Amino acid sequence: MRIDIGCAADLVPIVAANIQRGVDQVYRAHQGASSSTVRAALKRKFGRAIGTTAIEVLAGCISDGNTPVIKCSSP
């Protein structure tokens, strides 16, 4: 999954790691739960820090039992 991170280039790996950590926590707590349950957990975790499209995709992935992986790519 690709999430565009809008911050200084030097901070992108740190922000991506923080997002991954939060996604991992939600995954462990809600693996296999309904999409709406996972979506609510992601919204509580991230607030408006990530967009609704990203939350929808992550929720679908987690509710299907898959582990989302957030990666940084060089510009």
PDB file of N, CA and C in Angstrom:
ATOM      1  N   MET A   1       0.844  -1.179   0.000  1.00  0.00           N
ATOM      2  CA  MET A   1       0.000   0.000   0.000  1.00  0.00           C
ATOM      3  C   MET A   1       0.877   1.225   0.000  1.00  0.00           C
ATOM      4  N   ARG A   2       0.471   2.230  -0.708  1.00  0.00           N
ATOM      5  CA  ARG A   2       1.234   3.479  -0.772  1.00  0.00           C
ATOM      6  C   ARG A   2       0.458   4.566  -0.043  1.00  0.00           C
ATOM      7  N   ILE A   3       1.150   5.217   0.881  1.00  0.00           N
ATOM      8  CA  ILE A   3       0.595   6.371   1.574  1.00  0.00           C
ATOM      9  C   ILE A   3       1.557   7.533   1.320  1.00  0.00           C
ATOM     10  N   ASP A   4       1.060   8.593   0.730  1.00  0.00           N
ATOM     11  CA  ASP A   4       1.906   9.767   0.512  1.00  0.00           C
ATOM     12  C   ASP A   4       2.051  10.502   1.843  1.00  0.00           C
ATOM     13  N   ILE A   5       3.295  10.679   2.243  1.00  0.00           N
ATOM     14  CA  ILE A   5       3.579  11.333   3.521  1.00  0.00           C
ATOM     15  C   ILE A   5       4.088  12.741   3.220  1.00  0.00           C
ATOM     16  N   GLY A   6       3.334  13.735   3.665  1.00  0.00           N
ATOM     17  CA  GLY A   6       3.683  15.124   3.400  1.00  0.00           C
ATOM     18  C   GLY A   6       4.478  15.729   4.544  1.00  0.00           C
ATOM     19  N   CYS A   7       5.802  15.589   4.486  1.00  0.00           N
ATOM     20  CA  CYS A   7       6.680  16.207   5.482  1.00  0.00           C
ATOM     21  C   CYS A   7       8.072  16.325   4.867  1.00  0.00           C
ATOM     22  N   ALA A   8       9.012  16.838   5.631  1.00  0.00           N
ATOM     23  CA  ALA A   8      10.381  16.965   5.151  1.00  0.00           C
ATOM     24  C   ALA A   8      10.927  15.586   4.778  1.00  0.00           C
ATOM     25  N   ALA A   9      11.666  15.523   3.693  1.00  0.00           N
ATOM     26  CA  ALA A   9      12.176  14.243   3.179  1.00  0.00           C
ATOM     27  C   ALA A   9      12.949  13.453   4.235  1.00  0.00           C
ATOM     28  N   ASP A  10      13.683  14.145   5.084  1.00  0.00           N
ATOM     29  CA  ASP A  10      14.466  13.462   6.120  1.00  0.00           C
ATOM     30  C   ASP A  10      13.576  12.768   7.144  1.00  0.00           C
ATOM     31  N   LEU A  11      12.350  13.254   7.301  1.00  0.00           N
ATOM     32  CA  LEU A  11      11.444  12.697   8.305  1.00  0.00           C
ATOM     33  C   LEU A  11      10.571  11.561   7.783  1.00  0.00           C
ATOM     34  N   VAL A  12      10.521  11.360   6.474  1.00  0.00           N
ATOM     35  CA  VAL A  12       9.631  10.353   5.902  1.00  0.00           C
ATOM     36  C   VAL A  12       9.861   8.963   6.502  1.00  0.00           C
ATOM     37  N   PRO A  13      11.106   8.476   6.626  1.00  0.00           N
ATOM     38  CA  PRO A  13      11.291   7.140   7.210  1.00  0.00           C
ATOM     39  C   PRO A  13      10.788   7.054   8.655  1.00  0.00           C
ATOM     40  N   ILE A  14      10.939   8.126   9.405  1.00  0.00           N
ATOM     41  CA  ILE A  14      10.495   8.141  10.803  1.00  0.00           C
ATOM     42  C   ILE A  14       8.971   8.124  10.866  1.00  0.00           C
ATOM     43  N   VAL A  15       8.328   8.937  10.045  1.00  0.00           N
ATOM     44  CA  VAL A  15       6.862   8.985  10.012  1.00  0.00           C
ATOM     45  C   VAL A  15       6.309   7.637   9.545  1.00  0.00           C
ATOM     46  N   ALA A  16       6.927   7.055   8.516  1.00  0.00           N
ATOM     47  CA  ALA A  16       6.474   5.748   8.019  1.00  0.00           C
ATOM     48  C   ALA A  16       6.604   4.684   9.105  1.00  0.00           C
ATOM     49  N   ALA A  17       7.694   4.727   9.859  1.00  0.00           N
ATOM     50  CA  ALA A  17       7.887   3.761  10.952  1.00  0.00           C
ATOM     51  C   ALA A  17       6.827   3.944  12.035  1.00  0.00           C
ATOM     52  N   ASN A  18       6.481   5.190  12.326  1.00  0.00           N
ATOM     53  CA  ASN A  18       5.446   5.456  13.332  1.00  0.00           C
ATOM     54  C   ASN A  18       4.083   4.959  12.859  1.00  0.00           C
ATOM     55  N   ILE A  19       3.773   5.175  11.580  1.00  0.00           N
ATOM     56  CA  ILE A  19       2.517   4.665  11.028  1.00  0.00           C
ATOM     57  C   ILE A  19       2.509   3.142  11.095  1.00  0.00           C
ATOM     58  N   GLN A  20       3.634   2.514  10.729  1.00  0.00           N
ATOM     59  CA  GLN A  20       3.715   1.050  10.768  1.00  0.00           C
ATOM     60  C   GLN A  20       3.488   0.535  12.185  1.00  0.00           C
ATOM     61  N   ARG A  21       4.081   1.196  13.169  1.00  0.00           N
ATOM     62  CA  ARG A  21       3.918   0.784  14.566  1.00  0.00           C
ATOM     63  C   ARG A  21       2.450   0.855  14.984  1.00  0.00           C
ATOM     64  N   GLY A  22       1.772   1.934  14.606  1.00  0.00           N
ATOM     65  CA  GLY A  22       0.358   2.080  14.938  1.00  0.00           C
ATOM     66  C   GLY A  22      -0.503   1.041  14.231  1.00  0.00           C
ATOM     67  N   VAL A  23      -0.204   0.778  12.960  1.00  0.00           N
ATOM     68  CA  VAL A  23      -0.946  -0.227  12.199  1.00  0.00           C
ATOM     69  C   VAL A  23      -0.732  -1.608  12.818  1.00  0.00           C
ATOM     70  N   ASP A  24       0.504  -1.899  13.230  1.00  0.00           N
ATOM     71  CA  ASP A  24       0.787  -3.190  13.870  1.00  0.00           C
ATOM     72  C   ASP A  24      -0.013  -3.365  15.157  1.00  0.00           C
ATOM     73  N   GLN A  25      -0.131  -2.297  15.933  1.00  0.00           N
ATOM     74  CA  GLN A  25      -0.908  -2.371  17.178  1.00  0.00           C
ATOM     75  C   GLN A  25      -2.378  -2.664  16.893  1.00  0.00           C
ATOM     76  N   VAL A  26      -2.934  -1.985  15.906  1.00  0.00           N
ATOM     77  CA  VAL A  26      -4.336  -2.221  15.536  1.00  0.00           C
ATOM     78  C   VAL A  26      -4.487  -3.642  14.982  1.00  0.00           C
ATOM     79  N   TYR A  27      -3.527  -4.080  14.184  1.00  0.00           N
ATOM     80  CA  TYR A  27      -3.572  -5.434  13.611  1.00  0.00           C
ATOM     81  C   TYR A  27      -3.605  -6.488  14.721  1.00  0.00           C
ATOM     82  N   ARG A  28      -2.716  -6.357  15.695  1.00  0.00           N
ATOM     83  CA  ARG A  28      -2.668  -7.338  16.791  1.00  0.00           C
ATOM     84  C   ARG A  28      -3.958  -7.349  17.596  1.00  0.00           C
ATOM     85  N   ALA A  29      -4.543  -6.192  17.798  1.00  0.00           N
ATOM     86  CA  ALA A  29      -5.749  -6.089  18.620  1.00  0.00           C
ATOM     87  C   ALA A  29      -7.014  -6.500  17.868  1.00  0.00           C
ATOM     88  N   HIS A  30      -7.033  -6.324  16.547  1.00  0.00           N
ATOM     89  CA  HIS A  30      -8.288  -6.495  15.807  1.00  0.00           C
ATOM     90  C   HIS A  30      -8.175  -7.416  14.600  1.00  0.00           C
ATOM     91  N   GLN A  31      -7.146  -8.254  14.552  1.00  0.00           N
ATOM     92  CA  GLN A  31      -6.948  -9.154  13.415  1.00  0.00           C
ATOM     93  C   GLN A  31      -8.200 -10.008  13.186  1.00  0.00           C
ATOM     94  N   GLY A  32      -8.713  -9.981  11.975  1.00  0.00           N
ATOM     95  CA  GLY A  32      -9.870 -10.790  11.625  1.00  0.00           C
ATOM     96  C   GLY A  32     -11.207 -10.204  12.059  1.00  0.00           C
ATOM     97  N   ALA A  33     -11.201  -9.045  12.726  1.00  0.00           N
ATOM     98  CA  ALA A  33     -12.460  -8.409  13.144  1.00  0.00           C
ATOM     99  C   ALA A  33     -13.153  -7.816  11.908  1.00  0.00           C
ATOM    100  N   SER A  34     -14.374  -7.380  12.094  1.00  0.00           N
ATOM    101  CA  SER A  34     -15.102  -6.791  10.963  1.00  0.00           C
ATOM    102  C   SER A  34     -14.407  -5.510  10.508  1.00  0.00           C
ATOM    103  N   SER A  35     -14.635  -5.187   9.258  1.00  0.00           N
ATOM    104  CA  SER A  35     -14.007  -4.008   8.671  1.00  0.00           C
ATOM    105  C   SER A  35     -14.400  -2.736   9.422  1.00  0.00           C
ATOM    106  N   SER A  36     -15.656  -2.648   9.844  1.00  0.00           N
ATOM    107  CA  SER A  36     -16.101  -1.437  10.551  1.00  0.00           C
ATOM    108  C   SER A  36     -15.425  -1.306  11.912  1.00  0.00           C
ATOM    109  N   THR A  37     -15.194  -2.426  12.588  1.00  0.00           N
ATOM    110  CA  THR A  37     -14.493  -2.404  13.881  1.00  0.00           C
ATOM    111  C   THR A  37     -13.056  -1.948  13.699  1.00  0.00           C
ATOM    112  N   VAL A  38     -12.392  -2.498  12.691  1.00  0.00           N
ATOM    113  CA  VAL A  38     -10.999  -2.133  12.413  1.00  0.00           C
ATOM    114  C   VAL A  38     -10.918  -0.674  11.978  1.00  0.00           C
ATOM    115  N   ARG A  39     -11.859  -0.238  11.147  1.00  0.00           N
ATOM    116  CA  ARG A  39     -11.890   1.156  10.690  1.00  0.00           C
ATOM    117  C   ARG A  39     -12.004   2.106  11.881  1.00  0.00           C
ATOM    118  N   ALA A  40     -12.885   1.789  12.815  1.00  0.00           N
ATOM    119  CA  ALA A  40     -13.059   2.635  14.000  1.00  0.00           C
ATOM    120  C   ALA A  40     -11.776   2.671  14.825  1.00  0.00           C
ATOM    121  N   ALA A  41     -11.106   1.531  14.954  1.00  0.00           N
ATOM    122  CA  ALA A  41      -9.848   1.480  15.717  1.00  0.00           C
ATOM    123  C   ALA A  41      -8.767   2.313  15.033  1.00  0.00           C
ATOM    124  N   LEU A  42      -8.690   2.231  13.715  1.00  0.00           N
ATOM    125  CA  LEU A  42      -7.704   3.031  12.985  1.00  0.00           C
ATOM    126  C   LEU A  42      -7.993   4.522  13.114  1.00  0.00           C
ATOM    127  N   LYS A  43      -9.278   4.895  13.052  1.00  0.00           N
ATOM    128  CA  LYS A  43      -9.638   6.310  13.206  1.00  0.00           C
ATOM    129  C   LYS A  43      -9.275   6.809  14.596  1.00  0.00           C
ATOM    130  N   ARG A  44      -9.496   5.972  15.615  1.00  0.00           N
ATOM    131  CA  ARG A  44      -9.106   6.367  16.978  1.00  0.00           C
ATOM    132  C   ARG A  44      -7.592   6.505  17.084  1.00  0.00           C
ATOM    133  N   LYS A  45      -6.870   5.607  16.436  1.00  0.00           N
ATOM    134  CA  LYS A  45      -5.413   5.585  16.522  1.00  0.00           C
ATOM    135  C   LYS A  45      -4.784   6.774  15.802  1.00  0.00           C
ATOM    136  N   PHE A  46      -5.269   7.057  14.597  1.00  0.00           N
ATOM    137  CA  PHE A  46      -4.608   8.051  13.755  1.00  0.00           C
ATOM    138  C   PHE A  46      -5.346   9.376  13.636  1.00  0.00           C
ATOM    139  N   GLY A  47      -6.608   9.424  14.030  1.00  0.00           N
ATOM    140  CA  GLY A  47      -7.359  10.665  13.877  1.00  0.00           C
ATOM    141  C   GLY A  47      -7.367  11.090  12.425  1.00  0.00           C
ATOM    142  N   ARG A  48      -6.918  12.292  12.150  1.00  0.00           N
ATOM    143  CA  ARG A  48      -6.860  12.786  10.768  1.00  0.00           C
ATOM    144  C   ARG A  48      -5.434  12.765  10.224  1.00  0.00           C
ATOM    145  N   ALA A  49      -4.545  12.047  10.899  1.00  0.00           N
ATOM    146  CA  ALA A  49      -3.149  12.002  10.452  1.00  0.00           C
ATOM    147  C   ALA A  49      -2.992  11.265   9.130  1.00  0.00           C
ATOM    148  N   ILE A  50      -3.866  10.281   8.869  1.00  0.00           N
ATOM    149  CA  ILE A  50      -3.865   9.632   7.563  1.00  0.00           C
ATOM    150  C   ILE A  50      -5.270   9.752   6.976  1.00  0.00           C
ATOM    151  N   GLY A  51      -5.353   9.739   5.677  1.00  0.00           N
ATOM    152  CA  GLY A  51      -6.621   9.979   4.993  1.00  0.00           C
ATOM    153  C   GLY A  51      -7.605   8.828   5.089  1.00  0.00           C
ATOM    154  N   THR A  52      -8.840   9.128   4.737  1.00  0.00           N
ATOM    155  CA  THR A  52      -9.899   8.122   4.831  1.00  0.00           C
ATOM    156  C   THR A  52      -9.683   6.975   3.852  1.00  0.00           C
ATOM    157  N   THR A  53      -9.109   7.250   2.694  1.00  0.00           N
ATOM    158  CA  THR A  53      -8.841   6.171   1.733  1.00  0.00           C
ATOM    159  C   THR A  53      -7.828   5.194   2.309  1.00  0.00           C
ATOM    160  N   ALA A  54      -6.776   5.722   2.921  1.00  0.00           N
ATOM    161  CA  ALA A  54      -5.770   4.858   3.544  1.00  0.00           C
ATOM    162  C   ALA A  54      -6.391   4.040   4.671  1.00  0.00           C
ATOM    163  N   ILE A  55      -7.248   4.665   5.467  1.00  0.00           N
ATOM    164  CA  ILE A  55      -7.908   3.945   6.563  1.00  0.00           C
ATOM    165  C   ILE A  55      -8.793   2.834   6.003  1.00  0.00           C
ATOM    166  N   GLU A  56      -9.525   3.106   4.933  1.00  0.00           N
ATOM    167  CA  GLU A  56     -10.396   2.088   4.325  1.00  0.00           C
ATOM    168  C   GLU A  56      -9.583   0.896   3.826  1.00  0.00           C
ATOM    169  N   VAL A  57      -8.484   1.173   3.133  1.00  0.00           N
ATOM    170  CA  VAL A  57      -7.653   0.102   2.582  1.00  0.00           C
ATOM    171  C   VAL A  57      -7.009  -0.697   3.708  1.00  0.00           C
ATOM    172  N   LEU A  58      -6.480  -0.014   4.707  1.00  0.00           N
ATOM    173  CA  LEU A  58      -5.872  -0.704   5.846  1.00  0.00           C
ATOM    174  C   LEU A  58      -6.901  -1.542   6.594  1.00  0.00           C
ATOM    175  N   ALA A  59      -8.098  -1.008   6.782  1.00  0.00           N
ATOM    176  CA  ALA A  59      -9.156  -1.741   7.483  1.00  0.00           C
ATOM    177  C   ALA A  59      -9.520  -3.014   6.728  1.00  0.00           C
ATOM    178  N   GLY A  60      -9.635  -2.917   5.412  1.00  0.00           N
ATOM    179  CA  GLY A  60      -9.931  -4.101   4.612  1.00  0.00           C
ATOM    180  C   GLY A  60      -8.843  -5.145   4.712  1.00  0.00           C
ATOM    181  N   CYS A  61      -7.611  -4.697   4.675  1.00  0.00           N
ATOM    182  CA  CYS A  61      -6.466  -5.600   4.767  1.00  0.00           C
ATOM    183  C   CYS A  61      -6.440  -6.316   6.121  1.00  0.00           C
ATOM    184  N   ILE A  62      -6.591  -5.556   7.206  1.00  0.00           N
ATOM    185  CA  ILE A  62      -6.540  -6.126   8.554  1.00  0.00           C
ATOM    186  C   ILE A  62      -7.733  -7.043   8.804  1.00  0.00           C
ATOM    187  N   SER A  63      -8.927  -6.638   8.380  1.00  0.00           N
ATOM    188  CA  SER A  63     -10.105  -7.468   8.629  1.00  0.00           C
ATOM    189  C   SER A  63     -10.039  -8.771   7.836  1.00  0.00           C
ATOM    190  N   ASP A  64      -9.283  -8.793   6.729  1.00  0.00           N
ATOM    191  CA  ASP A  64      -9.078 -10.024   5.964  1.00  0.00           C
ATOM    192  C   ASP A  64      -7.995 -10.901   6.582  1.00  0.00           C
ATOM    193  N   GLY A  65      -7.352 -10.393   7.644  1.00  0.00           N
ATOM    194  CA  GLY A  65      -6.306 -11.169   8.322  1.00  0.00           C
ATOM    195  C   GLY A  65      -4.919 -10.973   7.751  1.00  0.00           C
ATOM    196  N   ASN A  66      -4.750  -9.990   6.860  1.00  0.00           N
ATOM    197  CA  ASN A  66      -3.434  -9.718   6.267  1.00  0.00           C
ATOM    198  C   ASN A  66      -2.699  -8.651   7.058  1.00  0.00           C
ATOM    199  N   THR A  67      -1.381  -8.742   7.066  1.00  0.00           N
ATOM    200  CA  THR A  67      -0.559  -7.765   7.769  1.00  0.00           C
ATOM    201  C   THR A  67      -0.143  -6.658   6.811  1.00  0.00           C
ATOM    202  N   PRO A  68      -0.598  -5.419   7.025  1.00  0.00           N
ATOM    203  CA  PRO A  68      -0.172  -4.313   6.163  1.00  0.00           C
ATOM    204  C   PRO A  68       1.284  -3.957   6.424  1.00  0.00           C
ATOM    205  N   VAL A  69       2.005  -3.641   5.369  1.00  0.00           N
ATOM    206  CA  VAL A  69       3.397  -3.218   5.493  1.00  0.00           C
ATOM    207  C   VAL A  69       3.533  -1.842   4.852  1.00  0.00           C
ATOM    208  N   ILE A  70       3.985  -0.893   5.640  1.00  0.00           N
ATOM    209  CA  ILE A  70       4.191   0.477   5.162  1.00  0.00           C
ATOM    210  C   ILE A  70       5.673   0.596   4.792  1.00  0.00           C
ATOM    211  N   LYS A  71       5.954   0.984   3.557  1.00  0.00           N
ATOM    212  CA  LYS A  71       7.341   1.101   3.104  1.00  0.00           C
ATOM    213  C   LYS A  71       7.622   2.520   2.651  1.00  0.00           C
ATOM    214  N   CYS A  72       8.871   2.926   2.791  1.00  0.00           N
ATOM    215  CA  CYS A  72       9.321   4.204   2.247  1.00  0.00           C
ATOM    216  C   CYS A  72       9.924   3.936   0.877  1.00  0.00           C
ATOM    217  N   SER A  73       9.680   4.830  -0.039  1.00  0.00           N
ATOM    218  CA  SER A  73      10.360   4.721  -1.332  1.00  0.00           C
ATOM    219  C   SER A  73      11.119   6.002  -1.566  1.00  0.00           C
ATOM    220  N   SER A  74      12.251   5.888  -2.221  1.00  0.00           N
ATOM    221  CA  SER A  74      13.019   7.098  -2.490  1.00  0.00           C
ATOM    222  C   SER A  74      12.352   7.911  -3.589  1.00  0.00           C
ATOM    223  N   PRO A  75      12.461   9.224  -3.502  1.00  0.00           N
ATOM    224  CA  PRO A  75      11.796  10.087  -4.490  1.00  0.00           C
ATOM    225  C   PRO A  75      12.373   9.931  -5.881  1.00  0.00           C
TER     226      PRO A  75
END
